[in-house]
Amino acid sequence: MLLSVAVKDADYVIEAILEVLDLKRKIYTELDKLAPKHAILATNSSYIVSSRIADVTSRPDKVCNLHFFNPALVMKLAEIVQGSHTCNLTSG
């Protein structure tokens, strides 16, 4: 599926690609162009903080880290980690 089709109507986009900063920054540049302006962009990274990614977007206030607790099918719980750039409404 094309990225543009996958995110065109999204309210919340969760990125879970390889832990390679340059690759994540490239994806976030594209997500920022393709996803609706209200959409929250979350990285599932436990290694790279969102502040290292948010600056390539026009919406750093809507960028955060998100981690699911395991096993995800049983533990219906996620941790949202704000950066100094993240708006409280994003993580709220």
PDB file of N, CA and C in Angstrom:
ATOM      1  N   MET A   1       0.846  -1.180   0.000  1.00  0.00           N
ATOM      2  CA  MET A   1       0.000   0.000   0.000  1.00  0.00           C
ATOM      3  C   MET A   1       0.892   1.243   0.000  1.00  0.00           C
ATOM      4  N   LEU A   2       0.491   2.227  -0.725  1.00  0.00           N
ATOM      5  CA  LEU A   2       1.221   3.480  -0.766  1.00  0.00           C
ATOM      6  C   LEU A   2       1.060   4.237   0.548  1.00  0.00           C
ATOM      7  N   LEU A   3       2.120   4.878   0.988  1.00  0.00           N
ATOM      8  CA  LEU A   3       2.072   5.662   2.224  1.00  0.00           C
ATOM      9  C   LEU A   3       1.006   6.746   2.137  1.00  0.00           C
ATOM     10  N   SER A   4       0.885   7.377   1.002  1.00  0.00           N
ATOM     11  CA  SER A   4      -0.102   8.454   0.838  1.00  0.00           C
ATOM     12  C   SER A   4      -1.528   7.953   1.046  1.00  0.00           C
ATOM     13  N   VAL A   5      -1.809   6.751   0.598  1.00  0.00           N
ATOM     14  CA  VAL A   5      -3.135   6.159   0.775  1.00  0.00           C
ATOM     15  C   VAL A   5      -3.336   5.752   2.232  1.00  0.00           C
ATOM     16  N   ALA A   6      -2.312   5.200   2.837  1.00  0.00           N
ATOM     17  CA  ALA A   6      -2.413   4.699   4.213  1.00  0.00           C
ATOM     18  C   ALA A   6      -2.674   5.804   5.227  1.00  0.00           C
ATOM     19  N   VAL A   7      -2.146   6.999   5.002  1.00  0.00           N
ATOM     20  CA  VAL A   7      -2.251   8.050   6.024  1.00  0.00           C
ATOM     21  C   VAL A   7      -3.185   9.197   5.650  1.00  0.00           C
ATOM     22  N   LYS A   8      -3.791   9.167   4.489  1.00  0.00           N
ATOM     23  CA  LYS A   8      -4.548  10.334   4.011  1.00  0.00           C
ATOM     24  C   LYS A   8      -5.703  10.737   4.922  1.00  0.00           C
ATOM     25  N   ASP A   9      -6.319   9.811   5.627  1.00  0.00           N
ATOM     26  CA  ASP A   9      -7.433  10.125   6.523  1.00  0.00           C
ATOM     27  C   ASP A   9      -7.105   9.812   7.983  1.00  0.00           C
ATOM     28  N   ALA A  10      -5.833   9.655   8.287  1.00  0.00           N
ATOM     29  CA  ALA A  10      -5.423   9.227   9.633  1.00  0.00           C
ATOM     30  C   ALA A  10      -5.544  10.353  10.657  1.00  0.00           C
ATOM     31  N   ASP A  11      -5.920   9.963  11.857  1.00  0.00           N
ATOM     32  CA  ASP A  11      -5.886  10.873  12.999  1.00  0.00           C
ATOM     33  C   ASP A  11      -4.627  10.638  13.823  1.00  0.00           C
ATOM     34  N   TYR A  12      -4.105   9.410  13.746  1.00  0.00           N
ATOM     35  CA  TYR A  12      -2.960   9.007  14.565  1.00  0.00           C
ATOM     36  C   TYR A  12      -2.112   8.051  13.733  1.00  0.00           C
ATOM     37  N   VAL A  13      -0.854   8.380  13.536  1.00  0.00           N
ATOM     38  CA  VAL A  13       0.054   7.541  12.752  1.00  0.00           C
ATOM     39  C   VAL A  13       1.140   7.015  13.681  1.00  0.00           C
ATOM     40  N   ILE A  14       1.322   5.705  13.722  1.00  0.00           N
ATOM     41  CA  ILE A  14       2.362   5.089  14.545  1.00  0.00           C
ATOM     42  C   ILE A  14       3.422   4.516  13.619  1.00  0.00           C
ATOM     43  N   GLU A  15       4.623   5.042  13.744  1.00  0.00           N
ATOM     44  CA  GLU A  15       5.760   4.585  12.942  1.00  0.00           C
ATOM     45  C   GLU A  15       6.539   3.556  13.747  1.00  0.00           C
ATOM     46  N   ALA A  16       6.871   2.441  13.116  1.00  0.00           N
ATOM     47  CA  ALA A  16       7.610   1.361  13.787  1.00  0.00           C
ATOM     48  C   ALA A  16       8.640   0.759  12.833  1.00  0.00           C
ATOM     49  N   ILE A  17       9.462   1.607  12.244  1.00  0.00           N
ATOM     50  CA  ILE A  17      10.490   1.132  11.318  1.00  0.00           C
ATOM     51  C   ILE A  17      11.795   0.885  12.069  1.00  0.00           C
ATOM     52  N   LEU A  18      12.824   0.499  11.343  1.00  0.00           N
ATOM     53  CA  LEU A  18      14.145   0.247  11.926  1.00  0.00           C
ATOM     54  C   LEU A  18      14.633   1.434  12.749  1.00  0.00           C
ATOM     55  N   GLU A  19      15.447   1.141  13.755  1.00  0.00           N
ATOM     56  CA  GLU A  19      15.994   2.175  14.636  1.00  0.00           C
ATOM     57  C   GLU A  19      17.177   2.883  13.968  1.00  0.00           C
ATOM     58  N   VAL A  20      16.894   3.549  12.868  1.00  0.00           N
ATOM     59  CA  VAL A  20      17.908   4.278  12.107  1.00  0.00           C
ATOM     60  C   VAL A  20      17.417   5.721  11.995  1.00  0.00           C
ATOM     61  N   LEU A  21      18.098   6.640  12.668  1.00  0.00           N
ATOM     62  CA  LEU A  21      17.632   8.020  12.756  1.00  0.00           C
ATOM     63  C   LEU A  21      17.406   8.653  11.387  1.00  0.00           C
ATOM     64  N   ASP A  22      18.335   8.529  10.480  1.00  0.00           N
ATOM     65  CA  ASP A  22      18.179   9.146   9.156  1.00  0.00           C
ATOM     66  C   ASP A  22      16.947   8.621   8.427  1.00  0.00           C
ATOM     67  N   LEU A  23      16.680   7.342   8.564  1.00  0.00           N
ATOM     68  CA  LEU A  23      15.504   6.745   7.936  1.00  0.00           C
ATOM     69  C   LEU A  23      14.223   7.279   8.573  1.00  0.00           C
ATOM     70  N   LYS A  24      14.197   7.352   9.900  1.00  0.00           N
ATOM     71  CA  LYS A  24      13.024   7.888  10.599  1.00  0.00           C
ATOM     72  C   LYS A  24      12.771   9.337  10.189  1.00  0.00           C
ATOM     73  N   ARG A  25      13.825  10.139  10.125  1.00  0.00           N
ATOM     74  CA  ARG A  25      13.672  11.541   9.740  1.00  0.00           C
ATOM     75  C   ARG A  25      13.122  11.655   8.311  1.00  0.00           C
ATOM     76  N   LYS A  26      13.544  10.784   7.435  1.00  0.00           N
ATOM     77  CA  LYS A  26      13.035  10.783   6.060  1.00  0.00           C
ATOM     78  C   LYS A  26      11.543  10.428   6.044  1.00  0.00           C
ATOM     79  N   ILE A  27      11.172   9.411   6.795  1.00  0.00           N
ATOM     80  CA  ILE A  27       9.764   8.999   6.867  1.00  0.00           C
ATOM     81  C   ILE A  27       8.901  10.115   7.456  1.00  0.00           C
ATOM     82  N   TYR A  28       9.382  10.772   8.510  1.00  0.00           N
ATOM     83  CA  TYR A  28       8.605  11.845   9.136  1.00  0.00           C
ATOM     84  C   TYR A  28       8.456  13.051   8.219  1.00  0.00           C
ATOM     85  N   THR A  29       9.442  13.312   7.400  1.00  0.00           N
ATOM     86  CA  THR A  29       9.323  14.375   6.401  1.00  0.00           C
ATOM     87  C   THR A  29       8.174  14.053   5.453  1.00  0.00           C
ATOM     88  N   GLU A  30       8.087  12.800   5.030  1.00  0.00           N
ATOM     89  CA  GLU A  30       7.004  12.368   4.139  1.00  0.00           C
ATOM     90  C   GLU A  30       5.659  12.347   4.861  1.00  0.00           C
ATOM     91  N   LEU A  31       5.637  11.802   6.079  1.00  0.00           N
ATOM     92  CA  LEU A  31       4.387  11.760   6.843  1.00  0.00           C
ATOM     93  C   LEU A  31       3.823  13.156   7.053  1.00  0.00           C
ATOM     94  N   ASP A  32       4.694  14.104   7.320  1.00  0.00           N
ATOM     95  CA  ASP A  32       4.252  15.480   7.549  1.00  0.00           C
ATOM     96  C   ASP A  32       3.568  16.052   6.314  1.00  0.00           C
ATOM     97  N   LYS A  33       4.041  15.685   5.142  1.00  0.00           N
ATOM     98  CA  LYS A  33       3.441  16.155   3.888  1.00  0.00           C
ATOM     99  C   LYS A  33       2.124  15.441   3.583  1.00  0.00           C
ATOM    100  N   LEU A  34       2.036  14.161   3.927  1.00  0.00           N
ATOM    101  CA  LEU A  34       0.931  13.322   3.472  1.00  0.00           C
ATOM    102  C   LEU A  34      -0.224  13.180   4.456  1.00  0.00           C
ATOM    103  N   ALA A  35       0.054  13.190   5.738  1.00  0.00           N
ATOM    104  CA  ALA A  35      -0.995  13.003   6.745  1.00  0.00           C
ATOM    105  C   ALA A  35      -1.738  14.321   6.966  1.00  0.00           C
ATOM    106  N   PRO A  36      -3.011  14.242   7.355  1.00  0.00           N
ATOM    107  CA  PRO A  36      -3.744  15.472   7.658  1.00  0.00           C
ATOM    108  C   PRO A  36      -3.008  16.287   8.726  1.00  0.00           C
ATOM    109  N   LYS A  37      -3.139  17.597   8.664  1.00  0.00           N
ATOM    110  CA  LYS A  37      -2.404  18.478   9.583  1.00  0.00           C
ATOM    111  C   LYS A  37      -2.771  18.250  11.049  1.00  0.00           C
ATOM    112  N   HIS A  38      -3.955  17.712  11.318  1.00  0.00           N
ATOM    113  CA  HIS A  38      -4.355  17.455  12.707  1.00  0.00           C
ATOM    114  C   HIS A  38      -3.792  16.132  13.244  1.00  0.00           C
ATOM    115  N   ALA A  39      -3.265  15.295  12.372  1.00  0.00           N
ATOM    116  CA  ALA A  39      -2.829  13.949  12.770  1.00  0.00           C
ATOM    117  C   ALA A  39      -1.620  13.989  13.706  1.00  0.00           C
ATOM    118  N   ILE A  40      -1.660  13.131  14.713  1.00  0.00           N
ATOM    119  CA  ILE A  40      -0.543  12.939  15.633  1.00  0.00           C
ATOM    120  C   ILE A  40       0.399  11.921  15.006  1.00  0.00           C
ATOM    121  N   LEU A  41       1.699  12.189  15.084  1.00  0.00           N
ATOM    122  CA  LEU A  41       2.718  11.287  14.549  1.00  0.00           C
ATOM    123  C   LEU A  41       3.508  10.721  15.723  1.00  0.00           C
ATOM    124  N   ALA A  42       3.439   9.415  15.915  1.00  0.00           N
ATOM    125  CA  ALA A  42       4.099   8.776  17.057  1.00  0.00           C
ATOM    126  C   ALA A  42       5.133   7.767  16.582  1.00  0.00           C
ATOM    127  N   THR A  43       6.277   7.773  17.232  1.00  0.00           N
ATOM    128  CA  THR A  43       7.287   6.762  16.953  1.00  0.00           C
ATOM    129  C   THR A  43       7.226   5.694  18.033  1.00  0.00           C
ATOM    130  N   ASN A  44       7.332   4.464  17.632  1.00  0.00           N
ATOM    131  CA  ASN A  44       7.337   3.346  18.565  1.00  0.00           C
ATOM    132  C   ASN A  44       8.748   3.065  19.088  1.00  0.00           C
ATOM    133  N   SER A  45       9.674   3.933  18.769  1.00  0.00           N
ATOM    134  CA  SER A  45      11.072   3.738  19.163  1.00  0.00           C
ATOM    135  C   SER A  45      11.249   3.811  20.677  1.00  0.00           C
ATOM    136  N   SER A  46      12.040   2.905  21.203  1.00  0.00           N
ATOM    137  CA  SER A  46      12.427   2.979  22.615  1.00  0.00           C
ATOM    138  C   SER A  46      13.867   3.462  22.729  1.00  0.00           C
ATOM    139  N   TYR A  47      14.474   3.754  21.598  1.00  0.00           N
ATOM    140  CA  TYR A  47      15.876   4.166  21.546  1.00  0.00           C
ATOM    141  C   TYR A  47      16.038   5.615  21.088  1.00  0.00           C
ATOM    142  N   ILE A  48      15.253   6.017  20.106  1.00  0.00           N
ATOM    143  CA  ILE A  48      15.357   7.367  19.543  1.00  0.00           C
ATOM    144  C   ILE A  48      14.202   8.212  20.074  1.00  0.00           C
ATOM    145  N   VAL A  49      14.533   9.299  20.759  1.00  0.00           N
ATOM    146  CA  VAL A  49      13.496  10.165  21.324  1.00  0.00           C
ATOM    147  C   VAL A  49      12.888  11.031  20.225  1.00  0.00           C
ATOM    148  N   SER A  50      11.636  11.388  20.411  1.00  0.00           N
ATOM    149  CA  SER A  50      10.907  12.120  19.375  1.00  0.00           C
ATOM    150  C   SER A  50      11.506  13.489  19.076  1.00  0.00           C
ATOM    151  N   SER A  51      12.229  14.073  20.009  1.00  0.00           N
ATOM    152  CA  SER A  51      12.843  15.383  19.757  1.00  0.00           C
ATOM    153  C   SER A  51      13.893  15.319  18.649  1.00  0.00           C
ATOM    154  N   ARG A  52      14.409  14.143  18.354  1.00  0.00           N
ATOM    155  CA  ARG A  52      15.392  13.983  17.276  1.00  0.00           C
ATOM    156  C   ARG A  52      14.713  13.813  15.917  1.00  0.00           C
ATOM    157  N   ILE A  53      13.377  13.742  15.938  1.00  0.00           N
ATOM    158  CA  ILE A  53      12.599  13.537  14.718  1.00  0.00           C
ATOM    159  C   ILE A  53      11.662  14.715  14.448  1.00  0.00           C
ATOM    160  N   ALA A  54      11.098  15.276  15.502  1.00  0.00           N
ATOM    161  CA  ALA A  54      10.029  16.275  15.389  1.00  0.00           C
ATOM    162  C   ALA A  54      10.413  17.496  14.574  1.00  0.00           C
ATOM    163  N   ASP A  55      11.684  17.860  14.587  1.00  0.00           N
ATOM    164  CA  ASP A  55      12.111  19.091  13.918  1.00  0.00           C
ATOM    165  C   ASP A  55      12.031  19.032  12.393  1.00  0.00           C
ATOM    166  N   VAL A  56      11.832  17.870  11.823  1.00  0.00           N
ATOM    167  CA  VAL A  56      11.678  17.788  10.363  1.00  0.00           C
ATOM    168  C   VAL A  56      10.212  17.946   9.946  1.00  0.00           C
ATOM    169  N   THR A  57       9.328  18.143  10.924  1.00  0.00           N
ATOM    170  CA  THR A  57       7.905  18.312  10.638  1.00  0.00           C
ATOM    171  C   THR A  57       7.483  19.758  10.873  1.00  0.00           C
ATOM    172  N   SER A  58       6.323  20.094  10.367  1.00  0.00           N
ATOM    173  CA  SER A  58       5.728  21.406  10.628  1.00  0.00           C
ATOM    174  C   SER A  58       4.815  21.345  11.847  1.00  0.00           C
ATOM    175  N   ARG A  59       4.810  20.191  12.532  1.00  0.00           N
ATOM    176  CA  ARG A  59       3.930  19.974  13.685  1.00  0.00           C
ATOM    177  C   ARG A  59       4.658  19.301  14.843  1.00  0.00           C
ATOM    178  N   PRO A  60       5.770  19.827  15.299  1.00  0.00           N
ATOM    179  CA  PRO A  60       6.498  19.175  16.387  1.00  0.00           C
ATOM    180  C   PRO A  60       5.651  18.995  17.647  1.00  0.00           C
ATOM    181  N   ASP A  61       4.644  19.838  17.809  1.00  0.00           N
ATOM    182  CA  ASP A  61       3.746  19.716  18.961  1.00  0.00           C
ATOM    183  C   ASP A  61       2.898  18.456  18.901  1.00  0.00           C
ATOM    184  N   LYS A  62       2.830  17.812  17.736  1.00  0.00           N
ATOM    185  CA  LYS A  62       2.019  16.599  17.554  1.00  0.00           C
ATOM    186  C   LYS A  62       2.878  15.357  17.334  1.00  0.00           C
ATOM    187  N   VAL A  63       4.134  15.401  17.791  1.00  0.00           N
ATOM    188  CA  VAL A  63       5.048  14.263  17.640  1.00  0.00           C
ATOM    189  C   VAL A  63       5.424  13.753  19.027  1.00  0.00           C
ATOM    190  N   CYS A  64       5.366  12.424  19.219  1.00  0.00           N
ATOM    191  CA  CYS A  64       5.674  11.832  20.525  1.00  0.00           C
ATOM    192  C   CYS A  64       6.208  10.408  20.343  1.00  0.00           C
ATOM    193  N   ASN A  65       6.652   9.827  21.441  1.00  0.00           N
ATOM    194  CA  ASN A  65       7.003   8.402  21.473  1.00  0.00           C
ATOM    195  C   ASN A  65       5.805   7.650  22.036  1.00  0.00           C
ATOM    196  N   LEU A  66       5.596   6.428  21.573  1.00  0.00           N
ATOM    197  CA  LEU A  66       4.502   5.597  22.057  1.00  0.00           C
ATOM    198  C   LEU A  66       4.994   4.161  22.171  1.00  0.00           C
ATOM    199  N   HIS A  67       4.758   3.562  23.325  1.00  0.00           N
ATOM    200  CA  HIS A  67       5.169   2.167  23.542  1.00  0.00           C
ATOM    201  C   HIS A  67       3.973   1.364  24.030  1.00  0.00           C
ATOM    202  N   PHE A  68       3.751   0.229  23.408  1.00  0.00           N
ATOM    203  CA  PHE A  68       2.712  -0.689  23.859  1.00  0.00           C
ATOM    204  C   PHE A  68       3.304  -1.643  24.886  1.00  0.00           C
ATOM    205  N   PHE A  69       2.523  -1.973  25.897  1.00  0.00           N
ATOM    206  CA  PHE A  69       2.949  -2.966  26.878  1.00  0.00           C
ATOM    207  C   PHE A  69       2.657  -4.355  26.320  1.00  0.00           C
ATOM    208  N   ASN A  70       3.460  -5.323  26.693  1.00  0.00           N
ATOM    209  CA  ASN A  70       3.339  -6.687  26.173  1.00  0.00           C
ATOM    210  C   ASN A  70       2.762  -7.636  27.206  1.00  0.00           C
ATOM    211  N   PRO A  71       2.025  -8.604  26.732  1.00  0.00           N
ATOM    212  CA  PRO A  71       1.566  -8.817  25.358  1.00  0.00           C
ATOM    213  C   PRO A  71       0.429  -7.836  25.022  1.00  0.00           C
ATOM    214  N   ALA A  72       0.520  -7.216  23.881  1.00  0.00           N
ATOM    215  CA  ALA A  72      -0.404  -6.152  23.486  1.00  0.00           C
ATOM    216  C   ALA A  72      -1.862  -6.613  23.442  1.00  0.00           C
ATOM    217  N   LEU A  73      -2.096  -7.877  23.124  1.00  0.00           N
ATOM    218  CA  LEU A  73      -3.478  -8.370  23.071  1.00  0.00           C
ATOM    219  C   LEU A  73      -4.103  -8.501  24.453  1.00  0.00           C
ATOM    220  N   VAL A  74      -3.278  -8.623  25.476  1.00  0.00           N
ATOM    221  CA  VAL A  74      -3.766  -8.786  26.845  1.00  0.00           C
ATOM    222  C   VAL A  74      -3.669  -7.472  27.615  1.00  0.00           C
ATOM    223  N   MET A  75      -2.544  -6.806  27.486  1.00  0.00           N
ATOM    224  CA  MET A  75      -2.285  -5.554  28.203  1.00  0.00           C
ATOM    225  C   MET A  75      -2.773  -4.392  27.346  1.00  0.00           C
ATOM    226  N   LYS A  76      -3.951  -3.927  27.591  1.00  0.00           N
ATOM    227  CA  LYS A  76      -4.516  -2.831  26.802  1.00  0.00           C
ATOM    228  C   LYS A  76      -4.025  -1.505  27.379  1.00  0.00           C
ATOM    229  N   LEU A  77      -2.711  -1.314  27.243  1.00  0.00           N
ATOM    230  CA  LEU A  77      -2.053  -0.173  27.868  1.00  0.00           C
ATOM    231  C   LEU A  77      -0.918   0.303  26.980  1.00  0.00           C
ATOM    232  N   ALA A  78      -0.790   1.606  26.857  1.00  0.00           N
ATOM    233  CA  ALA A  78       0.310   2.193  26.090  1.00  0.00           C
ATOM    234  C   ALA A  78       0.899   3.349  26.885  1.00  0.00           C
ATOM    235  N   GLU A  79       2.188   3.550  26.722  1.00  0.00           N
ATOM    236  CA  GLU A  79       2.888   4.667  27.349  1.00  0.00           C
ATOM    237  C   GLU A  79       3.140   5.717  26.269  1.00  0.00           C
ATOM    238  N   ILE A  80       2.723   6.942  26.528  1.00  0.00           N
ATOM    239  CA  ILE A  80       2.980   8.052  25.614  1.00  0.00           C
ATOM    240  C   ILE A  80       4.013   8.943  26.274  1.00  0.00           C
ATOM    241  N   VAL A  81       5.117   9.174  25.577  1.00  0.00           N
ATOM    242  CA  VAL A  81       6.218   9.965  26.124  1.00  0.00           C
ATOM    243  C   VAL A  81       6.291  11.290  25.375  1.00  0.00           C
ATOM    244  N   GLN A  82       6.125  12.370  26.122  1.00  0.00           N
ATOM    245  CA  GLN A  82       6.211  13.705  25.556  1.00  0.00           C
ATOM    246  C   GLN A  82       7.654  14.167  25.490  1.00  0.00           C
ATOM    247  N   GLY A  83       7.968  14.917  24.453  1.00  0.00           N
ATOM    248  CA  GLY A  83       9.204  15.678  24.423  1.00  0.00           C
ATOM    249  C   GLY A  83       8.867  17.098  24.847  1.00  0.00           C
ATOM    250  N   SER A  84       9.867  17.943  24.993  1.00  0.00           N
ATOM    251  CA  SER A  84       9.605  19.337  25.371  1.00  0.00           C
ATOM    252  C   SER A  84       8.803  20.055  24.284  1.00  0.00           C
ATOM    253  N   HIS A  85       8.795  19.522  23.091  1.00  0.00           N
ATOM    254  CA  HIS A  85       8.091  20.083  21.941  1.00  0.00           C
ATOM    255  C   HIS A  85       6.648  19.616  21.850  1.00  0.00           C
ATOM    256  N   THR A  86       6.269  18.583  22.608  1.00  0.00           N
ATOM    257  CA  THR A  86       4.959  17.946  22.485  1.00  0.00           C
ATOM    258  C   THR A  86       3.900  18.692  23.287  1.00  0.00           C
ATOM    259  N   CYS A  87       2.784  18.978  22.666  1.00  0.00           N
ATOM    260  CA  CYS A  87       1.658  19.646  23.315  1.00  0.00           C
ATOM    261  C   CYS A  87       0.955  18.667  24.256  1.00  0.00           C
ATOM    262  N   ASN A  88       0.446  19.174  25.376  1.00  0.00           N
ATOM    263  CA  ASN A  88      -0.274  18.317  26.324  1.00  0.00           C
ATOM    264  C   ASN A  88      -1.493  17.660  25.687  1.00  0.00           C
ATOM    265  N   LEU A  89      -2.128  18.316  24.735  1.00  0.00           N
ATOM    266  CA  LEU A  89      -3.287  17.721  24.058  1.00  0.00           C
ATOM    267  C   LEU A  89      -2.896  16.499  23.239  1.00  0.00           C
ATOM    268  N   THR A  90      -1.666  16.462  22.762  1.00  0.00           N
ATOM    269  CA  THR A  90      -1.182  15.321  21.987  1.00  0.00           C
ATOM    270  C   THR A  90      -1.097  14.079  22.853  1.00  0.00           C
ATOM    271  N   SER A  91      -0.614  14.233  24.055  1.00  0.00           N
ATOM    272  CA  SER A  91      -0.419  13.074  24.930  1.00  0.00           C
ATOM    273  C   SER A  91      -1.574  12.874  25.894  1.00  0.00           C
ATOM    274  N   GLY A  92      -2.544  13.764  25.856  1.00  0.00           N
ATOM    275  CA  GLY A  92      -3.613  13.791  26.820  1.00  0.00           C
ATOM    276  C   GLY A  92      -4.607  12.740  26.752  1.00  0.00           C
TER     277      GLY A  92
END
